[in-house]
């Protein structure tokens, strides 16, 4: 229970900063060597929010599978 509360507080506090939290499975485009990043929690700078969905999205996870 303490871990759950800590995670919720952490996510809440990040909304007060210059970062935003994106939840959900998202992946980057696979590189030439086939490596890519996959995560369920992404911390994104609010200034880079417009480009985030273009570079890191759910469709990339389907392509990388």
N, C-alpha and C. Protein backbone atom coordinates (compact mmCIF):
# COMPACT_ATOMS: atom_id res chain seq x y z
N UNK A 1 0.82 -1.19 0.00
CA UNK A 1 0.00 0.00 0.00
C UNK A 1 0.87 1.26 0.00
N UNK A 2 1.98 1.22 0.74
CA UNK A 2 2.88 2.37 0.78
C UNK A 2 3.47 2.67 -0.58
N UNK A 3 3.77 1.61 -1.33
CA UNK A 3 4.35 1.79 -2.66
C UNK A 3 3.34 2.46 -3.58
N UNK A 4 2.10 2.02 -3.53
CA UNK A 4 1.05 2.59 -4.37
C UNK A 4 0.86 4.08 -4.07
N UNK A 5 0.81 4.42 -2.82
CA UNK A 5 0.64 5.82 -2.41
C UNK A 5 1.85 6.64 -2.87
N UNK A 6 3.04 6.08 -2.75
CA UNK A 6 4.24 6.79 -3.18
C UNK A 6 4.22 7.06 -4.68
N UNK A 7 3.80 6.09 -5.45
CA UNK A 7 3.74 6.26 -6.90
C UNK A 7 2.72 7.33 -7.27
N UNK A 8 1.56 7.29 -6.64
CA UNK A 8 0.52 8.28 -6.92
C UNK A 8 1.00 9.68 -6.56
N UNK A 9 1.65 9.83 -5.43
CA UNK A 9 2.19 11.14 -5.03
C UNK A 9 3.26 11.61 -6.00
N UNK A 10 4.11 10.70 -6.43
CA UNK A 10 5.17 11.05 -7.37
C UNK A 10 4.59 11.56 -8.68
N UNK A 11 3.60 10.86 -9.21
CA UNK A 11 2.96 11.28 -10.46
C UNK A 11 2.25 12.62 -10.27
N UNK A 12 1.59 12.80 -9.15
CA UNK A 12 0.91 14.06 -8.87
C UNK A 12 1.90 15.22 -8.81
N UNK A 13 3.02 15.02 -8.15
CA UNK A 13 4.00 16.09 -8.02
C UNK A 13 4.68 16.44 -9.33
N UNK A 14 4.82 15.49 -10.21
CA UNK A 14 5.44 15.80 -11.50
C UNK A 14 4.54 16.68 -12.35
N UNK A 15 3.25 16.68 -12.10
CA UNK A 15 2.35 17.56 -12.84
C UNK A 15 2.54 19.01 -12.43
N UNK A 16 3.15 19.26 -11.30
CA UNK A 16 3.39 20.61 -10.83
C UNK A 16 4.69 21.19 -11.41
N UNK A 17 5.49 20.38 -12.04
CA UNK A 17 6.77 20.84 -12.56
C UNK A 17 6.69 21.10 -14.05
N UNK A 18 7.83 21.24 -14.68
CA UNK A 18 7.88 21.49 -16.12
C UNK A 18 7.76 20.20 -16.92
N UNK A 19 7.56 19.08 -16.25
CA UNK A 19 7.44 17.79 -16.90
C UNK A 19 5.99 17.32 -16.84
N UNK A 20 5.65 16.47 -17.77
CA UNK A 20 4.33 15.86 -17.78
C UNK A 20 4.52 14.34 -17.79
N UNK A 21 3.55 13.63 -17.26
CA UNK A 21 3.63 12.17 -17.20
C UNK A 21 2.65 11.59 -18.20
N UNK A 22 3.13 10.72 -19.07
CA UNK A 22 2.29 10.01 -20.02
C UNK A 22 2.24 8.56 -19.58
N UNK A 23 1.06 8.02 -19.40
CA UNK A 23 0.89 6.64 -18.99
C UNK A 23 0.37 5.82 -20.16
N UNK A 24 0.80 4.59 -20.25
CA UNK A 24 0.36 3.70 -21.32
C UNK A 24 1.55 3.19 -22.11
N UNK A 25 1.40 2.04 -22.71
CA UNK A 25 2.48 1.42 -23.47
C UNK A 25 2.78 2.24 -24.72
N UNK A 26 4.03 2.69 -24.83
CA UNK A 26 4.50 3.43 -25.99
C UNK A 26 5.91 2.99 -26.31
N UNK A 27 6.27 3.05 -27.59
CA UNK A 27 7.60 2.62 -28.04
C UNK A 27 8.20 3.65 -28.98
N UNK A 28 9.52 3.62 -29.06
CA UNK A 28 10.23 4.43 -30.04
C UNK A 28 10.38 3.63 -31.32
N UNK A 29 10.81 4.29 -32.37
CA UNK A 29 11.07 3.62 -33.65
C UNK A 29 12.33 2.77 -33.48
N UNK A 30 12.33 1.58 -34.06
CA UNK A 30 13.49 0.70 -33.97
C UNK A 30 14.65 1.29 -34.76
N UNK A 31 15.84 1.20 -34.17
CA UNK A 31 17.04 1.69 -34.84
C UNK A 31 17.54 0.71 -35.87
N UNK A 32 18.68 1.01 -36.47
CA UNK A 32 19.24 0.15 -37.51
C UNK A 32 19.61 -1.22 -36.96
N UNK A 33 19.99 -1.26 -35.68
CA UNK A 33 20.36 -2.55 -35.08
C UNK A 33 19.15 -3.28 -34.49
N UNK A 34 17.96 -2.72 -34.65
CA UNK A 34 16.74 -3.37 -34.17
C UNK A 34 16.36 -3.05 -32.74
N UNK A 35 17.14 -2.22 -32.06
CA UNK A 35 16.83 -1.88 -30.66
C UNK A 35 15.83 -0.73 -30.60
N UNK A 36 14.99 -0.76 -29.57
CA UNK A 36 14.02 0.30 -29.35
C UNK A 36 13.71 0.38 -27.86
N UNK A 37 13.08 1.47 -27.46
CA UNK A 37 12.69 1.66 -26.06
C UNK A 37 11.19 1.46 -25.94
N UNK A 38 10.80 0.78 -24.85
CA UNK A 38 9.39 0.54 -24.57
C UNK A 38 9.16 0.81 -23.09
N UNK A 39 8.08 1.54 -22.78
CA UNK A 39 7.78 1.83 -21.39
C UNK A 39 6.28 2.09 -21.24
N UNK A 40 5.81 1.98 -20.00
CA UNK A 40 4.43 2.29 -19.67
C UNK A 40 4.29 3.65 -19.01
N UNK A 41 5.43 4.22 -18.55
CA UNK A 41 5.44 5.54 -17.92
C UNK A 41 6.51 6.38 -18.61
N UNK A 42 6.11 7.52 -19.16
CA UNK A 42 7.04 8.42 -19.83
C UNK A 42 6.95 9.79 -19.17
N UNK A 43 8.11 10.37 -18.87
CA UNK A 43 8.18 11.73 -18.35
C UNK A 43 8.62 12.63 -19.50
N UNK A 44 7.76 13.58 -19.86
CA UNK A 44 7.97 14.39 -21.05
C UNK A 44 8.01 15.86 -20.66
N UNK A 45 8.98 16.57 -21.22
CA UNK A 45 9.06 18.01 -21.02
C UNK A 45 7.85 18.65 -21.70
N UNK A 46 7.22 19.60 -21.04
CA UNK A 46 6.00 20.20 -21.60
C UNK A 46 6.27 20.94 -22.90
N UNK A 47 7.50 21.41 -23.11
CA UNK A 47 7.84 22.09 -24.36
C UNK A 47 7.97 21.10 -25.52
N UNK A 48 8.27 19.85 -25.23
CA UNK A 48 8.46 18.82 -26.26
C UNK A 48 7.21 17.98 -26.48
N UNK A 49 6.10 18.37 -25.90
CA UNK A 49 4.88 17.57 -25.95
C UNK A 49 4.36 17.40 -27.38
N UNK A 50 4.52 18.40 -28.24
CA UNK A 50 4.00 18.32 -29.61
C UNK A 50 4.70 17.21 -30.40
N UNK A 51 5.99 17.09 -30.23
CA UNK A 51 6.77 16.11 -30.99
C UNK A 51 6.76 14.73 -30.36
N UNK A 52 6.33 14.62 -29.12
CA UNK A 52 6.38 13.35 -28.41
C UNK A 52 5.55 12.27 -29.10
N UNK A 53 4.31 12.58 -29.44
CA UNK A 53 3.41 11.59 -30.05
C UNK A 53 3.88 11.17 -31.44
N UNK A 54 4.62 12.03 -32.13
CA UNK A 54 5.13 11.67 -33.45
C UNK A 54 6.26 10.65 -33.33
N UNK A 55 7.11 10.80 -32.31
CA UNK A 55 8.28 9.96 -32.17
C UNK A 55 8.03 8.71 -31.33
N UNK A 56 7.19 8.84 -30.30
CA UNK A 56 6.96 7.75 -29.36
C UNK A 56 5.46 7.52 -29.26
N UNK A 57 5.01 6.37 -29.79
CA UNK A 57 3.56 6.12 -29.81
C UNK A 57 3.27 4.62 -29.79
N UNK A 58 2.00 4.27 -29.73
CA UNK A 58 1.56 2.88 -29.65
C UNK A 58 1.76 2.13 -30.96
N UNK A 59 1.68 2.83 -32.08
CA UNK A 59 1.85 2.19 -33.37
C UNK A 59 3.26 1.63 -33.54
N UNK A 60 4.25 2.30 -32.97
CA UNK A 60 5.63 1.81 -33.05
C UNK A 60 5.77 0.47 -32.34
N UNK A 61 5.01 0.24 -31.29
CA UNK A 61 5.07 -1.04 -30.58
C UNK A 61 4.58 -2.17 -31.48
N UNK A 62 3.56 -1.90 -32.28
CA UNK A 62 3.05 -2.91 -33.21
C UNK A 62 4.07 -3.19 -34.31
N UNK A 63 4.74 -2.15 -34.81
CA UNK A 63 5.74 -2.30 -35.86
C UNK A 63 6.97 -3.08 -35.36
N UNK A 64 7.33 -2.85 -34.10
CA UNK A 64 8.55 -3.47 -33.55
C UNK A 64 8.34 -4.93 -33.14
N UNK A 65 7.12 -5.38 -33.05
CA UNK A 65 6.86 -6.75 -32.59
C UNK A 65 7.26 -7.78 -33.61
